[in-house]
Amino acid sequence: MLYSYIVEQEIRKTFDHVNNHRWDEAVKAVAPHVHHRVSGAHALGGERHDKQAVRRWFERLGRVLPTLHLTVNNVWVKGWPWNTTVFVEWDGTATLLDGDASYVNRGLHVFTLRWGRVHALEEFQDSQQAARGLGVQAAAGLTEAVAEPIVS
């Protein structure tokens, strides 16, 4: 279906924007009132409910894991333009500030779209791996890596 193809391409572009720290582009399709949740008790965890908080979260992501690269493995699109669910399976890798290139995480994003706008985004990942990586960053002097989550 053409609609599913277009949605998949837009989602892949969004992951490219994140990889290249283009935050304005990454949040362009986010609705003003959104539900964004990331699992885990760490600086990137928690829930946000507005577009500006999501943008601040992405900015923090870029600061605490500046070399993070997300590789999209699979995208599944289900539904119609007025109510679409998108599942994205990904692998994330980064070199940490201590020089260790072993940060690897795997996850799944679940997007809820309405007429091309992101109304909900839930991120499932290995939260222990994320916390471990953020702990390494903090030990290397990046204190924001262990800051309280951005919530709204």
Protein backbone atom coordinates (compact mmCIF):
# COMPACT_ATOMS: atom_id res chain seq x y z
CA MET A 1 0.00 0.00 0.00
CA LEU A 2 1.33 3.42 -0.94
CA TYR A 3 0.36 4.99 2.38
CA SER A 4 2.39 2.42 4.36
CA TYR A 5 5.40 2.97 2.11
CA ILE A 6 5.26 6.76 2.62
CA VAL A 7 4.96 6.37 6.40
CA GLU A 8 7.90 3.95 6.49
CA GLN A 9 10.08 6.37 4.51
CA GLU A 10 9.17 9.27 6.82
CA ILE A 11 9.94 7.19 9.92
CA ARG A 12 13.32 6.17 8.47
CA LYS A 13 14.06 9.86 7.76
CA THR A 14 13.26 10.69 11.37
CA PHE A 15 15.81 8.14 12.61
CA ASP A 16 18.34 9.70 10.20
CA HIS A 17 17.57 13.12 11.70
CA VAL A 18 18.24 11.72 15.18
CA ASN A 19 21.53 10.16 14.04
CA ASN A 20 22.59 13.55 12.66
CA HIS A 21 21.33 15.62 15.61
CA ARG A 22 18.76 17.51 13.52
CA TRP A 23 16.35 17.97 16.41
CA ASP A 24 13.96 20.40 14.71
CA GLU A 25 13.45 17.88 11.92
CA ALA A 26 13.21 14.98 14.37
CA VAL A 27 10.27 16.57 16.20
CA LYS A 28 8.63 18.22 13.20
CA ALA A 29 5.77 15.68 13.03
CA VAL A 30 5.24 15.52 16.80
CA ALA A 31 1.83 16.77 17.91
CA PRO A 32 1.78 19.61 20.49
CA HIS A 33 0.26 17.25 23.07
CA VAL A 34 2.11 13.96 22.78
CA HIS A 35 2.76 10.99 25.02
CA HIS A 36 6.46 10.03 24.91
CA ARG A 37 7.66 7.30 27.26
CA VAL A 38 11.07 5.67 27.59
CA SER A 39 11.52 2.71 29.91
CA GLY A 40 14.07 2.79 32.71
CA ALA A 41 15.08 4.78 35.76
CA HIS A 42 17.84 6.92 34.20
CA ALA A 43 18.43 10.35 32.65
CA LEU A 44 16.67 9.35 29.40
CA GLY A 45 13.76 7.53 31.04
CA GLY A 46 10.38 8.85 32.04
CA GLU A 47 7.40 10.41 30.32
CA ARG A 48 6.86 13.63 28.46
CA HIS A 49 3.55 15.10 27.34
CA ASP A 50 4.40 18.08 25.16
CA LYS A 51 6.47 18.70 22.06
CA GLN A 52 8.95 21.06 23.75
CA ALA A 53 9.80 18.48 26.42
CA VAL A 54 10.33 15.86 23.71
CA ARG A 55 12.69 18.26 21.92
CA ARG A 56 14.63 18.86 25.18
CA TRP A 57 14.81 15.07 25.59
CA PHE A 58 16.32 14.69 22.11
CA GLU A 59 18.82 17.47 22.86
CA ARG A 60 19.84 15.62 26.02
CA LEU A 61 20.14 12.37 24.08
CA GLY A 62 22.60 14.12 21.76
CA ARG A 63 24.64 15.45 24.66
CA VAL A 64 24.82 12.30 26.79
CA LEU A 65 25.34 9.85 23.90
CA PRO A 66 26.85 12.07 21.19
CA THR A 67 28.06 9.19 19.02
CA LEU A 68 24.84 7.17 19.23
CA HIS A 69 23.88 5.65 15.90
CA LEU A 70 20.51 3.97 15.45
CA THR A 71 20.17 1.40 12.68
CA VAL A 72 16.60 0.67 11.65
CA ASN A 73 16.19 -3.05 11.05
CA ASN A 74 12.46 -3.36 10.41
CA VAL A 75 9.43 -1.09 10.11
CA TRP A 76 5.83 -2.30 10.23
CA VAL A 77 2.94 0.05 9.46
CA LYS A 78 -0.65 -0.81 10.35
CA GLY A 79 -3.78 1.25 9.96
CA TRP A 80 -5.11 4.21 8.06
CA PRO A 81 -4.11 7.88 8.05
CA TRP A 82 -6.53 8.76 10.87
CA ASN A 83 -5.11 6.05 13.18
CA THR A 84 -1.79 4.44 12.30
CA THR A 85 0.48 2.28 14.45
CA VAL A 86 4.13 1.95 13.45
CA PHE A 87 6.60 -0.51 14.98
CA VAL A 88 10.31 0.12 14.45
CA GLU A 89 12.93 -2.43 15.45
CA TRP A 90 16.39 -0.89 15.83
CA ASP A 91 19.95 -1.42 17.04
CA GLY A 92 21.86 1.39 18.74
CA THR A 93 25.62 1.66 19.08
CA ALA A 94 27.91 4.30 20.55
CA THR A 95 31.47 4.88 21.63
CA LEU A 96 31.47 6.02 25.24
CA LEU A 97 33.68 8.76 26.69
CA ASP A 98 36.02 6.21 28.26
CA GLY A 99 36.83 5.05 24.71
CA ASP A 100 34.80 1.86 25.03
CA ALA A 101 32.93 1.17 21.82
CA SER A 102 30.88 -1.59 23.37
CA TYR A 103 27.65 0.33 23.97
CA VAL A 104 25.04 -1.70 22.13
CA ASN A 105 21.33 -1.56 22.73
CA ARG A 106 18.39 -3.00 20.86
CA GLY A 107 14.89 -1.68 20.99
CA LEU A 108 11.47 -1.19 19.59
CA HIS A 109 9.62 2.08 19.06
CA VAL A 110 5.84 2.08 18.88
CA PHE A 111 4.41 5.19 17.21
CA THR A 112 0.75 6.20 17.15
CA LEU A 113 0.09 8.55 14.24
CA ARG A 114 -3.03 10.53 13.39
CA TRP A 115 -3.05 12.28 10.03
CA GLY A 116 0.76 12.19 9.88
CA ARG A 117 1.33 13.59 13.38
CA VAL A 118 2.97 11.63 16.21
CA HIS A 119 0.51 11.52 19.10
CA ALA A 120 2.31 8.82 21.07
CA LEU A 121 5.76 7.27 21.06
CA GLU A 122 6.78 4.50 23.40
CA GLU A 123 10.38 3.28 23.39
CA PHE A 124 11.21 -0.20 24.62
CA GLN A 125 14.90 -1.01 25.06
CA ASP A 126 17.34 -2.68 27.41
CA SER A 127 17.05 -0.06 30.14
CA GLN A 128 19.86 -1.67 32.16
CA GLN A 129 22.22 -1.27 29.21
CA ALA A 130 21.13 2.36 28.80
CA ALA A 131 21.71 3.04 32.52
CA ARG A 132 25.11 1.33 32.35
CA GLY A 133 26.16 3.45 29.37
CA LEU A 134 24.96 6.64 31.04
CA GLY A 135 26.86 5.66 34.19
CA VAL A 136 30.06 5.33 32.16
CA GLN A 137 29.44 8.76 30.66
CA ALA A 138 28.91 10.26 34.13
CA ALA A 139 32.09 8.62 35.46
CA ALA A 140 33.97 10.30 32.60
CA GLY A 141 32.67 13.69 33.78
CA LEU A 142 29.38 14.11 31.90
CA THR A 143 27.13 14.71 34.91
CA GLU A 144 24.00 15.26 32.83
CA ALA A 145 24.13 11.54 32.04
CA VAL A 146 22.84 10.85 35.56
CA ALA A 147 20.52 13.85 35.87
CA GLU A 148 16.84 13.51 36.72
CA PRO A 149 14.73 12.57 33.69
CA ILE A 150 13.09 15.30 31.63
CA VAL A 151 9.39 15.04 32.36
CA SER A 152 6.35 17.15 31.64
